């Protein structure tokens, strides 16, 4: 049984399929937001902002550290997290990445384990 990544054609087909689905999801989300009334949009932005704030704080990142790490203007992040503006796709992608968490320094872990011996 071959892995998906061993077959470049299958890999490209799957990547294209997921990319198309992602684009369709974004289009549907934008259309949904545009169809909302002003009160609904404010509630949506408030919930989205609190969700993003929760992600950042839960991963023990200050606003300044987050902005410095990803090269983002702190005013933009602050406005998004307070529900004052809709984040762009790039910022949404950053919040939803797996690498938002600070990774432990593997070098220090190795050195510490050698010292324990």
PDB file of N, CA and C in Angstrom:
ATOM      1  N   UNK A   1       0.849  -1.183   0.000  1.00  0.00           N
ATOM      2  CA  UNK A   1       0.000   0.000   0.000  1.00  0.00           C
ATOM      3  C   UNK A   1       0.895   1.247   0.000  1.00  0.00           C
ATOM      4  N   UNK A   2       0.682   2.146  -0.949  1.00  0.00           N
ATOM      5  CA  UNK A   2       1.535   3.327  -1.044  1.00  0.00           C
ATOM      6  C   UNK A   2       0.920   4.498  -0.282  1.00  0.00           C
ATOM      7  N   UNK A   3       1.800   5.339   0.212  1.00  0.00           N
ATOM      8  CA  UNK A   3       1.360   6.540   0.896  1.00  0.00           C
ATOM      9  C   UNK A   3       0.979   7.594  -0.134  1.00  0.00           C
ATOM     10  N   UNK A   4       0.102   8.478   0.256  1.00  0.00           N
ATOM     11  CA  UNK A   4      -0.353   9.544  -0.635  1.00  0.00           C
ATOM     12  C   UNK A   4       0.821  10.376  -1.146  1.00  0.00           C
ATOM     13  N   UNK A   5       1.782  10.661  -0.264  1.00  0.00           N
ATOM     14  CA  UNK A   5       2.898  11.524  -0.640  1.00  0.00           C
ATOM     15  C   UNK A   5       3.877  10.843  -1.592  1.00  0.00           C
ATOM     16  N   UNK A   6       3.801   9.532  -1.688  1.00  0.00           N
ATOM     17  CA  UNK A   6       4.686   8.826  -2.620  1.00  0.00           C
ATOM     18  C   UNK A   6       4.192   8.954  -4.054  1.00  0.00           C
ATOM     19  N   UNK A   7       2.951   9.311  -4.229  1.00  0.00           N
ATOM     20  CA  UNK A   7       2.369   9.452  -5.564  1.00  0.00           C
ATOM     21  C   UNK A   7       2.113  10.940  -5.822  1.00  0.00           C
ATOM     22  N   UNK A   8       2.996  11.606  -6.571  1.00  0.00           N
ATOM     23  CA  UNK A   8       2.860  13.055  -6.778  1.00  0.00           C
ATOM     24  C   UNK A   8       1.544  13.463  -7.436  1.00  0.00           C
ATOM     25  N   UNK A   9       1.010  12.626  -8.296  1.00  0.00           N
ATOM     26  CA  UNK A   9      -0.244  12.972  -8.980  1.00  0.00           C
ATOM     27  C   UNK A   9      -1.396  12.969  -7.982  1.00  0.00           C
ATOM     28  N   UNK A  10      -1.472  11.926  -7.141  1.00  0.00           N
ATOM     29  CA  UNK A  10      -2.538  11.881  -6.126  1.00  0.00           C
ATOM     30  C   UNK A  10      -2.385  13.025  -5.136  1.00  0.00           C
ATOM     31  N   UNK A  11      -1.141  13.309  -4.762  1.00  0.00           N
ATOM     32  CA  UNK A  11      -0.894  14.402  -3.832  1.00  0.00           C
ATOM     33  C   UNK A  11      -1.396  15.725  -4.408  1.00  0.00           C
ATOM     34  N   UNK A  12      -1.065  16.009  -5.680  1.00  0.00           N
ATOM     35  CA  UNK A  12      -1.497  17.242  -6.325  1.00  0.00           C
ATOM     36  C   UNK A  12      -3.017  17.300  -6.415  1.00  0.00           C
ATOM     37  N   UNK A  13      -3.652  16.167  -6.749  1.00  0.00           N
ATOM     38  CA  UNK A  13      -5.118  16.125  -6.832  1.00  0.00           C
ATOM     39  C   UNK A  13      -5.747  16.453  -5.479  1.00  0.00           C
ATOM     40  N   UNK A  14      -5.213  15.857  -4.407  1.00  0.00           N
ATOM     41  CA  UNK A  14      -5.756  16.117  -3.066  1.00  0.00           C
ATOM     42  C   UNK A  14      -5.523  17.564  -2.649  1.00  0.00           C
ATOM     43  N   UNK A  15      -4.305  18.075  -2.922  1.00  0.00           N
ATOM     44  CA  UNK A  15      -4.005  19.461  -2.572  1.00  0.00           C
ATOM     45  C   UNK A  15      -4.949  20.413  -3.294  1.00  0.00           C
ATOM     46  N   UNK A  16      -5.153  20.182  -4.588  1.00  0.00           N
ATOM     47  CA  UNK A  16      -6.049  21.035  -5.374  1.00  0.00           C
ATOM     48  C   UNK A  16      -7.477  20.962  -4.855  1.00  0.00           C
ATOM     49  N   UNK A  17      -7.911  19.747  -4.472  1.00  0.00           N
ATOM     50  CA  UNK A  17      -9.273  19.570  -3.944  1.00  0.00           C
ATOM     51  C   UNK A  17      -9.449  20.367  -2.658  1.00  0.00           C
ATOM     52  N   UNK A  18      -8.479  20.245  -1.735  1.00  0.00           N
ATOM     53  CA  UNK A  18      -8.592  20.969  -0.470  1.00  0.00           C
ATOM     54  C   UNK A  18      -8.500  22.472  -0.674  1.00  0.00           C
ATOM     55  N   UNK A  19      -7.656  22.900  -1.602  1.00  0.00           N
ATOM     56  CA  UNK A  19      -7.541  24.330  -1.883  1.00  0.00           C
ATOM     57  C   UNK A  19      -8.858  24.866  -2.425  1.00  0.00           C
ATOM     58  N   UNK A  20      -9.487  24.122  -3.318  1.00  0.00           N
ATOM     59  CA  UNK A  20     -10.769  24.549  -3.884  1.00  0.00           C
ATOM     60  C   UNK A  20     -11.840  24.606  -2.799  1.00  0.00           C
ATOM     61  N   UNK A  21     -11.851  23.608  -1.911  1.00  0.00           N
ATOM     62  CA  UNK A  21     -12.817  23.601  -0.812  1.00  0.00           C
ATOM     63  C   UNK A  21     -12.579  24.785   0.118  1.00  0.00           C
ATOM     64  N   UNK A  22     -11.302  25.101   0.402  1.00  0.00           N
ATOM     65  CA  UNK A  22     -10.984  26.244   1.255  1.00  0.00           C
ATOM     66  C   UNK A  22     -11.466  27.546   0.622  1.00  0.00           C
ATOM     67  N   UNK A  23     -11.223  27.715  -0.672  1.00  0.00           N
ATOM     68  CA  UNK A  23     -11.665  28.923  -1.370  1.00  0.00           C
ATOM     69  C   UNK A  23     -13.186  29.036  -1.330  1.00  0.00           C
ATOM     70  N   UNK A  24     -13.867  27.918  -1.500  1.00  0.00           N
ATOM     71  CA  UNK A  24     -15.333  27.911  -1.469  1.00  0.00           C
ATOM     72  C   UNK A  24     -15.837  28.268  -0.069  1.00  0.00           C
ATOM     73  N   UNK A  25     -15.175  27.752   0.954  1.00  0.00           N
ATOM     74  CA  UNK A  25     -15.559  28.068   2.336  1.00  0.00           C
ATOM     75  C   UNK A  25     -15.391  29.550   2.611  1.00  0.00           C
ATOM     76  N   UNK A  26     -14.283  30.122   2.161  1.00  0.00           N
ATOM     77  CA  UNK A  26     -14.042  31.554   2.359  1.00  0.00           C
ATOM     78  C   UNK A  26     -15.118  32.371   1.641  1.00  0.00           C
ATOM     79  N   UNK A  27     -15.426  32.013   0.400  1.00  0.00           N
ATOM     80  CA  UNK A  27     -16.460  32.738  -0.358  1.00  0.00           C
ATOM     81  C   UNK A  27     -17.806  32.671   0.369  1.00  0.00           C
ATOM     82  N   UNK A  28     -18.167  31.482   0.857  1.00  0.00           N
ATOM     83  CA  UNK A  28     -19.437  31.327   1.573  1.00  0.00           C
ATOM     84  C   UNK A  28     -19.458  32.121   2.868  1.00  0.00           C
ATOM     85  N   UNK A  29     -18.333  32.134   3.573  1.00  0.00           N
ATOM     86  CA  UNK A  29     -18.249  32.885   4.827  1.00  0.00           C
ATOM     87  C   UNK A  29     -18.377  34.375   4.572  1.00  0.00           C
ATOM     88  N   UNK A  30     -17.684  34.872   3.561  1.00  0.00           N
ATOM     89  CA  UNK A  30     -17.770  36.297   3.219  1.00  0.00           C
ATOM     90  C   UNK A  30     -19.200  36.662   2.814  1.00  0.00           C
ATOM     91  N   UNK A  31     -19.839  35.824   2.021  1.00  0.00           N
ATOM     92  CA  UNK A  31     -21.224  36.076   1.607  1.00  0.00           C
ATOM     93  C   UNK A  31     -22.152  36.096   2.821  1.00  0.00           C
ATOM     94  N   UNK A  32     -21.927  35.174   3.745  1.00  0.00           N
ATOM     95  CA  UNK A  32     -22.753  35.118   4.959  1.00  0.00           C
ATOM     96  C   UNK A  32     -22.581  36.388   5.790  1.00  0.00           C
ATOM     97  N   UNK A  33     -21.329  36.821   5.965  1.00  0.00           N
ATOM     98  CA  UNK A  33     -21.074  38.028   6.752  1.00  0.00           C
ATOM     99  C   UNK A  33     -21.719  39.243   6.090  1.00  0.00           C
ATOM    100  N   UNK A  34     -21.618  39.327   4.767  1.00  0.00           N
ATOM    101  CA  UNK A  34     -22.216  40.455   4.051  1.00  0.00           C
ATOM    102  C   UNK A  34     -23.741  40.474   4.183  1.00  0.00           C
ATOM    103  N   UNK A  35     -24.350  39.314   4.365  1.00  0.00           N
ATOM    104  CA  UNK A  35     -25.809  39.243   4.466  1.00  0.00           C
ATOM    105  C   UNK A  35     -26.320  39.571   5.866  1.00  0.00           C
ATOM    106  N   UNK A  36     -25.431  39.698   6.837  1.00  0.00           N
ATOM    107  CA  UNK A  36     -25.838  39.948   8.219  1.00  0.00           C
ATOM    108  C   UNK A  36     -26.282  41.385   8.415  1.00  0.00           C
ATOM    109  N   UNK A  37     -27.142  41.576   9.405  1.00  0.00           N
ATOM    110  CA  UNK A  37     -27.500  42.942   9.789  1.00  0.00           C
ATOM    111  C   UNK A  37     -26.362  43.510  10.634  1.00  0.00           C
ATOM    112  N   UNK A  38     -26.369  44.815  10.865  1.00  0.00           N
ATOM    113  CA  UNK A  38     -25.292  45.447  11.633  1.00  0.00           C
ATOM    114  C   UNK A  38     -25.131  44.845  13.024  1.00  0.00           C
ATOM    115  N   UNK A  39     -26.233  44.592  13.708  1.00  0.00           N
ATOM    116  CA  UNK A  39     -26.157  44.003  15.046  1.00  0.00           C
ATOM    117  C   UNK A  39     -25.544  42.621  15.018  1.00  0.00           C
ATOM    118  N   UNK A  40     -25.906  41.836  14.005  1.00  0.00           N
ATOM    119  CA  UNK A  40     -25.345  40.490  13.879  1.00  0.00           C
ATOM    120  C   UNK A  40     -23.850  40.543  13.589  1.00  0.00           C
ATOM    121  N   UNK A  41     -23.440  41.493  12.759  1.00  0.00           N
ATOM    122  CA  UNK A  41     -22.020  41.630  12.437  1.00  0.00           C
ATOM    123  C   UNK A  41     -21.236  42.003  13.687  1.00  0.00           C
ATOM    124  N   UNK A  42     -21.764  42.913  14.486  1.00  0.00           N
ATOM    125  CA  UNK A  42     -21.075  43.300  15.717  1.00  0.00           C
ATOM    126  C   UNK A  42     -20.936  42.112  16.658  1.00  0.00           C
ATOM    127  N   UNK A  43     -21.985  41.314  16.801  1.00  0.00           N
ATOM    128  CA  UNK A  43     -21.914  40.114  17.643  1.00  0.00           C
ATOM    129  C   UNK A  43     -20.893  39.119  17.091  1.00  0.00           C
ATOM    130  N   UNK A  44     -20.901  38.940  15.775  1.00  0.00           N
ATOM    131  CA  UNK A  44     -19.959  38.019  15.144  1.00  0.00           C
ATOM    132  C   UNK A  44     -18.518  38.466  15.399  1.00  0.00           C
ATOM    133  N   UNK A  45     -18.230  39.754  15.176  1.00  0.00           N
ATOM    134  CA  UNK A  45     -16.879  40.270  15.385  1.00  0.00           C
ATOM    135  C   UNK A  45     -16.464  40.152  16.847  1.00  0.00           C
ATOM    136  N   UNK A  46     -17.396  40.391  17.755  1.00  0.00           N
ATOM    137  CA  UNK A  46     -17.106  40.277  19.182  1.00  0.00           C
ATOM    138  C   UNK A  46     -16.727  38.841  19.545  1.00  0.00           C
ATOM    139  N   UNK A  47     -17.505  37.866  19.076  1.00  0.00           N
ATOM    140  CA  UNK A  47     -17.219  36.467  19.368  1.00  0.00           C
ATOM    141  C   UNK A  47     -15.912  36.016  18.714  1.00  0.00           C
ATOM    142  N   UNK A  48     -15.685  36.422  17.480  1.00  0.00           N
ATOM    143  CA  UNK A  48     -14.466  36.056  16.783  1.00  0.00           C
ATOM    144  C   UNK A  48     -13.244  36.650  17.495  1.00  0.00           C
ATOM    145  N   UNK A  49     -13.357  37.901  17.897  1.00  0.00           N
ATOM    146  CA  UNK A  49     -12.264  38.560  18.608  1.00  0.00           C
ATOM    147  C   UNK A  49     -11.948  37.881  19.927  1.00  0.00           C
ATOM    148  N   UNK A  50     -12.998  37.524  20.681  1.00  0.00           N
ATOM    149  CA  UNK A  50     -12.770  36.826  21.945  1.00  0.00           C
ATOM    150  C   UNK A  50     -12.146  35.456  21.717  1.00  0.00           C
ATOM    151  N   UNK A  51     -12.553  34.789  20.646  1.00  0.00           N
ATOM    152  CA  UNK A  51     -11.993  33.484  20.303  1.00  0.00           C
ATOM    153  C   UNK A  51     -10.500  33.610  20.004  1.00  0.00           C
ATOM    154  N   UNK A  52     -10.123  34.586  19.185  1.00  0.00           N
ATOM    155  CA  UNK A  52      -8.711  34.781  18.851  1.00  0.00           C
ATOM    156  C   UNK A  52      -7.901  35.197  20.077  1.00  0.00           C
ATOM    157  N   UNK A  53      -8.484  36.057  20.908  1.00  0.00           N
ATOM    158  CA  UNK A  53      -7.810  36.468  22.142  1.00  0.00           C
ATOM    159  C   UNK A  53      -7.547  35.237  23.020  1.00  0.00           C
ATOM    160  N   UNK A  54      -8.539  34.376  23.131  1.00  0.00           N
ATOM    161  CA  UNK A  54      -8.419  33.153  23.924  1.00  0.00           C
ATOM    162  C   UNK A  54      -7.280  32.270  23.399  1.00  0.00           C
ATOM    163  N   UNK A  55      -7.188  32.128  22.081  1.00  0.00           N
ATOM    164  CA  UNK A  55      -6.122  31.314  21.487  1.00  0.00           C
ATOM    165  C   UNK A  55      -4.754  31.871  21.881  1.00  0.00           C
ATOM    166  N   UNK A  56      -4.586  33.173  21.717  1.00  0.00           N
ATOM    167  CA  UNK A  56      -3.284  33.791  22.002  1.00  0.00           C
ATOM    168  C   UNK A  56      -2.931  33.681  23.479  1.00  0.00           C
ATOM    169  N   UNK A  57      -3.861  34.033  24.349  1.00  0.00           N
ATOM    170  CA  UNK A  57      -3.602  34.016  25.785  1.00  0.00           C
ATOM    171  C   UNK A  57      -3.405  32.584  26.285  1.00  0.00           C
ATOM    172  N   UNK A  58      -4.194  31.657  25.775  1.00  0.00           N
ATOM    173  CA  UNK A  58      -4.068  30.253  26.177  1.00  0.00           C
ATOM    174  C   UNK A  58      -2.695  29.696  25.835  1.00  0.00           C
ATOM    175  N   UNK A  59      -2.082  30.240  24.801  1.00  0.00           N
ATOM    176  CA  UNK A  59      -0.749  29.805  24.407  1.00  0.00           C
ATOM    177  C   UNK A  59       0.342  30.671  25.023  1.00  0.00           C
ATOM    178  N   UNK A  60      -0.061  31.424  26.043  1.00  0.00           N
ATOM    179  CA  UNK A  60       0.883  32.219  26.840  1.00  0.00           C
ATOM    180  C   UNK A  60       1.712  33.187  26.006  1.00  0.00           C
ATOM    181  N   UNK A  61       1.042  33.859  25.081  1.00  0.00           N
ATOM    182  CA  UNK A  61       1.730  34.867  24.268  1.00  0.00           C
ATOM    183  C   UNK A  61       1.131  36.234  24.566  1.00  0.00           C
ATOM    184  N   UNK A  62       1.988  37.176  24.914  1.00  0.00           N
ATOM    185  CA  UNK A  62       1.516  38.543  25.096  1.00  0.00           C
ATOM    186  C   UNK A  62       1.202  39.116  23.718  1.00  0.00           C
ATOM    187  N   UNK A  63       0.457  40.196  23.716  1.00  0.00           N
ATOM    188  CA  UNK A  63       0.128  40.859  22.455  1.00  0.00           C
ATOM    189  C   UNK A  63       1.412  41.286  21.747  1.00  0.00           C
ATOM    190  N   UNK A  64       2.345  41.862  22.496  1.00  0.00           N
ATOM    191  CA  UNK A  64       3.600  42.331  21.890  1.00  0.00           C
ATOM    192  C   UNK A  64       4.420  41.171  21.329  1.00  0.00           C
ATOM    193  N   UNK A  65       4.516  40.067  22.091  1.00  0.00           N
ATOM    194  CA  UNK A  65       5.294  38.916  21.620  1.00  0.00           C
ATOM    195  C   UNK A  65       4.661  38.318  20.369  1.00  0.00           C
ATOM    196  N   UNK A  66       3.342  38.223  20.355  1.00  0.00           N
ATOM    197  CA  UNK A  66       2.616  37.683  19.203  1.00  0.00           C
ATOM    198  C   UNK A  66       2.876  38.537  17.965  1.00  0.00           C
ATOM    199  N   UNK A  67       2.741  39.846  18.127  1.00  0.00           N
ATOM    200  CA  UNK A  67       2.924  40.761  16.997  1.00  0.00           C
ATOM    201  C   UNK A  67       4.361  40.760  16.497  1.00  0.00           C
ATOM    202  N   UNK A  68       5.308  40.707  17.418  1.00  0.00           N
ATOM    203  CA  UNK A  68       6.712  40.676  17.026  1.00  0.00           C
ATOM    204  C   UNK A  68       7.036  39.382  16.293  1.00  0.00           C
ATOM    205  N   UNK A  69       6.541  38.258  16.807  1.00  0.00           N
ATOM    206  CA  UNK A  69       6.826  36.956  16.196  1.00  0.00           C
ATOM    207  C   UNK A  69       6.317  36.881  14.761  1.00  0.00           C
ATOM    208  N   UNK A  70       5.131  37.441  14.514  1.00  0.00           N
ATOM    209  CA  UNK A  70       4.514  37.320  13.192  1.00  0.00           C
ATOM    210  C   UNK A  70       4.584  38.596  12.362  1.00  0.00           C
ATOM    211  N   UNK A  71       5.212  39.644  12.881  1.00  0.00           N
ATOM    212  CA  UNK A  71       5.384  40.880  12.117  1.00  0.00           C
ATOM    213  C   UNK A  71       4.081  41.594  11.817  1.00  0.00           C
ATOM    214  N   UNK A  72       3.231  41.706  12.830  1.00  0.00           N
ATOM    215  CA  UNK A  72       1.908  42.325  12.658  1.00  0.00           C
ATOM    216  C   UNK A  72       1.833  43.578  13.515  1.00  0.00           C
ATOM    217  N   UNK A  73       1.118  44.572  13.038  1.00  0.00           N
ATOM    218  CA  UNK A  73       0.892  45.802  13.783  1.00  0.00           C
ATOM    219  C   UNK A  73       0.018  45.487  15.012  1.00  0.00           C
ATOM    220  N   UNK A  74       0.495  45.806  16.229  1.00  0.00           N
ATOM    221  CA  UNK A  74      -0.289  45.524  17.438  1.00  0.00           C
ATOM    222  C   UNK A  74      -1.673  46.173  17.445  1.00  0.00           C
ATOM    223  N   UNK A  75      -1.805  47.324  16.807  1.00  0.00           N
ATOM    224  CA  UNK A  75      -3.117  48.005  16.749  1.00  0.00           C
ATOM    225  C   UNK A  75      -4.135  47.132  16.019  1.00  0.00           C
ATOM    226  N   UNK A  76      -3.703  46.494  14.934  1.00  0.00           N
ATOM    227  CA  UNK A  76      -4.608  45.633  14.166  1.00  0.00           C
ATOM    228  C   UNK A  76      -5.053  44.449  15.016  1.00  0.00           C
ATOM    229  N   UNK A  77      -4.093  43.793  15.669  1.00  0.00           N
ATOM    230  CA  UNK A  77      -4.424  42.627  16.496  1.00  0.00           C
ATOM    231  C   UNK A  77      -5.337  43.034  17.645  1.00  0.00           C
ATOM    232  N   UNK A  78      -5.034  44.150  18.272  1.00  0.00           N
ATOM    233  CA  UNK A  78      -5.859  44.637  19.371  1.00  0.00           C
ATOM    234  C   UNK A  78      -7.297  44.905  18.901  1.00  0.00           C
ATOM    235  N   UNK A  79      -7.428  45.558  17.755  1.00  0.00           N
ATOM    236  CA  UNK A  79      -8.763  45.843  17.208  1.00  0.00           C
ATOM    237  C   UNK A  79      -9.519  44.562  16.881  1.00  0.00           C
ATOM    238  N   UNK A  80      -8.827  43.579  16.322  1.00  0.00           N
ATOM    239  CA  UNK A  80      -9.477  42.301  15.996  1.00  0.00           C
ATOM    240  C   UNK A  80      -9.944  41.614  17.269  1.00  0.00           C
ATOM    241  N   UNK A  81      -9.061  41.538  18.268  1.00  0.00           N
ATOM    242  CA  UNK A  81      -9.396  40.830  19.497  1.00  0.00           C
ATOM    243  C   UNK A  81     -10.477  41.537  20.312  1.00  0.00           C
ATOM    244  N   UNK A  82     -10.651  42.825  20.083  1.00  0.00           N
ATOM    245  CA  UNK A  82     -11.725  43.562  20.763  1.00  0.00           C
ATOM    246  C   UNK A  82     -13.000  43.613  19.923  1.00  0.00           C
ATOM    247  N   UNK A  83     -12.971  42.963  18.767  1.00  0.00           N
ATOM    248  CA  UNK A  83     -14.163  42.904  17.922  1.00  0.00           C
ATOM    249  C   UNK A  83     -14.449  44.171  17.157  1.00  0.00           C
ATOM    250  N   UNK A  84     -13.428  44.991  16.935  1.00  0.00           N
ATOM    251  CA  UNK A  84     -13.618  46.258  16.244  1.00  0.00           C
ATOM    252  C   UNK A  84     -13.366  46.177  14.744  1.00  0.00           C
ATOM    253  N   UNK A  85     -12.725  45.090  14.313  1.00  0.00           N
ATOM    254  CA  UNK A  85     -12.472  44.931  12.881  1.00  0.00           C
ATOM    255  C   UNK A  85     -12.394  43.457  12.551  1.00  0.00           C
ATOM    256  N   UNK A  86     -12.673  43.148  11.306  1.00  0.00           N
ATOM    257  CA  UNK A  86     -12.591  41.780  10.804  1.00  0.00           C
ATOM    258  C   UNK A  86     -11.148  41.493  10.417  1.00  0.00           C
ATOM    259  N   UNK A  87     -10.592  40.361  10.877  1.00  0.00           N
ATOM    260  CA  UNK A  87      -9.207  40.061  10.495  1.00  0.00           C
ATOM    261  C   UNK A  87      -9.116  39.677   9.027  1.00  0.00           C
ATOM    262  N   UNK A  88      -7.978  39.966   8.417  1.00  0.00           N
ATOM    263  CA  UNK A  88      -7.783  39.506   7.049  1.00  0.00           C
ATOM    264  C   UNK A  88      -7.428  38.021   7.090  1.00  0.00           C
ATOM    265  N   UNK A  89      -7.386  37.393   5.939  1.00  0.00           N
ATOM    266  CA  UNK A  89      -7.141  35.950   5.877  1.00  0.00           C
ATOM    267  C   UNK A  89      -5.770  35.577   6.421  1.00  0.00           C
ATOM    268  N   UNK A  90      -4.785  36.425   6.210  1.00  0.00           N
ATOM    269  CA  UNK A  90      -3.440  36.131   6.701  1.00  0.00           C
ATOM    270  C   UNK A  90      -3.424  36.066   8.230  1.00  0.00           C
ATOM    271  N   UNK A  91      -4.085  37.017   8.878  1.00  0.00           N
ATOM    272  CA  UNK A  91      -4.132  37.029  10.335  1.00  0.00           C
ATOM    273  C   UNK A  91      -4.928  35.831  10.855  1.00  0.00           C
ATOM    274  N   UNK A  92      -6.024  35.508  10.189  1.00  0.00           N
ATOM    275  CA  UNK A  92      -6.806  34.334  10.598  1.00  0.00           C
ATOM    276  C   UNK A  92      -5.956  33.077  10.500  1.00  0.00           C
ATOM    277  N   UNK A  93      -5.175  32.977   9.451  1.00  0.00           N
ATOM    278  CA  UNK A  93      -4.308  31.811   9.269  1.00  0.00           C
ATOM    279  C   UNK A  93      -3.287  31.722  10.399  1.00  0.00           C
ATOM    280  N   UNK A  94      -2.738  32.843  10.804  1.00  0.00           N
ATOM    281  CA  UNK A  94      -1.753  32.850  11.891  1.00  0.00           C
ATOM    282  C   UNK A  94      -2.384  32.341  13.179  1.00  0.00           C
ATOM    283  N   UNK A  95      -3.568  32.827  13.515  1.00  0.00           N
ATOM    284  CA  UNK A  95      -4.230  32.393  14.743  1.00  0.00           C
ATOM    285  C   UNK A  95      -4.533  30.892  14.735  1.00  0.00           C
ATOM    286  N   UNK A  96      -4.823  30.362  13.578  1.00  0.00           N
ATOM    287  CA  UNK A  96      -5.260  28.973  13.503  1.00  0.00           C
ATOM    288  C   UNK A  96      -4.131  27.992  13.214  1.00  0.00           C
ATOM    289  N   UNK A  97      -2.909  28.480  13.120  1.00  0.00           N
ATOM    290  CA  UNK A  97      -1.760  27.614  12.883  1.00  0.00           C
ATOM    291  C   UNK A  97      -1.464  26.752  14.102  1.00  0.00           C
ATOM    292  N   UNK A  98      -0.807  25.646  13.834  1.00  0.00           N
ATOM    293  CA  UNK A  98      -0.340  24.800  14.927  1.00  0.00           C
ATOM    294  C   UNK A  98       0.897  25.384  15.583  1.00  0.00           C
ATOM    295  N   UNK A  99       1.629  26.229  14.857  1.00  0.00           N
ATOM    296  CA  UNK A  99       2.899  26.712  15.394  1.00  0.00           C
ATOM    297  C   UNK A  99       2.765  27.992  16.211  1.00  0.00           C
ATOM    298  N   UNK A 100       1.544  28.391  16.551  1.00  0.00           N
ATOM    299  CA  UNK A 100       1.391  29.604  17.358  1.00  0.00           C
ATOM    300  C   UNK A 100       1.990  29.397  18.742  1.00  0.00           C
ATOM    301  N   UNK A 101       1.972  28.161  19.220  1.00  0.00           N
ATOM    302  CA  UNK A 101       2.535  27.880  20.531  1.00  0.00           C
ATOM    303  C   UNK A 101       4.053  28.017  20.480  1.00  0.00           C
ATOM    304  N   UNK A 102       4.601  28.537  21.542  1.00  0.00           N
ATOM    305  CA  UNK A 102       6.053  28.600  21.652  1.00  0.00           C
ATOM    306  C   UNK A 102       6.554  27.179  21.835  1.00  0.00           C
ATOM    307  N   UNK A 103       7.482  26.781  21.016  1.00  0.00           N
ATOM    308  CA  UNK A 103       8.036  25.434  21.098  1.00  0.00           C
ATOM    309  C   UNK A 103       9.165  25.409  22.128  1.00  0.00           C
ATOM    310  N   UNK A 104       9.280  24.303  22.878  1.00  0.00           N
ATOM    311  CA  UNK A 104      10.418  24.206  23.794  1.00  0.00           C
ATOM    312  C   UNK A 104      11.707  24.111  22.998  1.00  0.00           C
ATOM    313  N   UNK A 105      12.772  24.571  23.588  1.00  0.00           N
ATOM    314  CA  UNK A 105      14.076  24.518  22.931  1.00  0.00           C
ATOM    315  C   UNK A 105      14.626  23.102  23.076  1.00  0.00           C
ATOM    316  N   UNK A 106      14.584  22.324  21.992  1.00  0.00           N
ATOM    317  CA  UNK A 106      15.024  20.935  22.035  1.00  0.00           C
ATOM    318  C   UNK A 106      16.484  20.814  22.429  1.00  0.00           C
ATOM    319  N   UNK A 107      17.281  21.795  22.075  1.00  0.00           N
ATOM    320  CA  UNK A 107      18.700  21.762  22.414  1.00  0.00           C
ATOM    321  C   UNK A 107      18.866  21.755  23.931  1.00  0.00           C
ATOM    322  N   UNK A 108      18.096  22.611  24.615  1.00  0.00           N
ATOM    323  CA  UNK A 108      18.165  22.648  26.081  1.00  0.00           C
ATOM    324  C   UNK A 108      17.653  21.352  26.689  1.00  0.00           C
ATOM    325  N   UNK A 109      16.625  20.757  26.095  1.00  0.00           N
ATOM    326  CA  UNK A 109      16.106  19.501  26.609  1.00  0.00           C
ATOM    327  C   UNK A 109      17.161  18.410  26.514  1.00  0.00           C
ATOM    328  N   UNK A 110      17.891  18.384  25.409  1.00  0.00           N
ATOM    329  CA  UNK A 110      18.942  17.381  25.229  1.00  0.00           C
ATOM    330  C   UNK A 110      20.060  17.613  26.233  1.00  0.00           C
ATOM    331  N   UNK A 111      20.499  18.873  26.381  1.00  0.00           N
ATOM    332  CA  UNK A 111      21.568  19.184  27.324  1.00  0.00           C
ATOM    333  C   UNK A 111      21.180  18.837  28.748  1.00  0.00           C
ATOM    334  N   UNK A 112      19.934  19.129  29.131  1.00  0.00           N
ATOM    335  CA  UNK A 112      19.468  18.836  30.481  1.00  0.00           C
ATOM    336  C   UNK A 112      19.440  17.337  30.740  1.00  0.00           C
ATOM    337  N   UNK A 113      19.027  16.542  29.752  1.00  0.00           N
ATOM    338  CA  UNK A 113      18.943  15.105  29.943  1.00  0.00           C
ATOM    339  C   UNK A 113      20.340  14.498  30.054  1.00  0.00           C
ATOM    340  N   UNK A 114      21.325  15.085  29.370  1.00  0.00           N
ATOM    341  CA  UNK A 114      22.697  14.592  29.474  1.00  0.00           C
ATOM    342  C   UNK A 114      23.294  14.929  30.823  1.00  0.00           C
ATOM    343  N   UNK A 115      22.925  16.082  31.387  1.00  0.00           N
ATOM    344  CA  UNK A 115      23.421  16.485  32.689  1.00  0.00           C
ATOM    345  C   UNK A 115      22.867  15.588  33.791  1.00  0.00           C
ATOM    346  N   UNK A 116      21.646  15.056  33.591  1.00  0.00           N
ATOM    347  CA  UNK A 116      21.018  14.193  34.582  1.00  0.00           C
ATOM    348  C   UNK A 116      21.729  12.854  34.720  1.00  0.00           C
ATOM    349  N   UNK A 117      22.515  12.465  33.693  1.00  0.00           N
ATOM    350  CA  UNK A 117      23.171  11.146  33.715  1.00  0.00           C
ATOM    351  C   UNK A 117      24.311  11.066  34.689  1.00  0.00           C
TER     352      UNK A 117
END
